Amino acid sequence: MSKKQLIVVGDRILIAVDDTQNRTEFGLYLPPGVKE
């Protein structure tokens, strides 16, 4: 399960998702279909 952070800015909500298990060591996002 990923950790999420909600930030309220005026009438908008920013969502920061901590999904490090789907990222490479360089910070690139890899979708589940391309993992080896």
Foldseek 3Di string as FASTA:
>chain_A
DWDWDWDDDPPDIDIDIRDVVQADPVGHGDPPVPDD
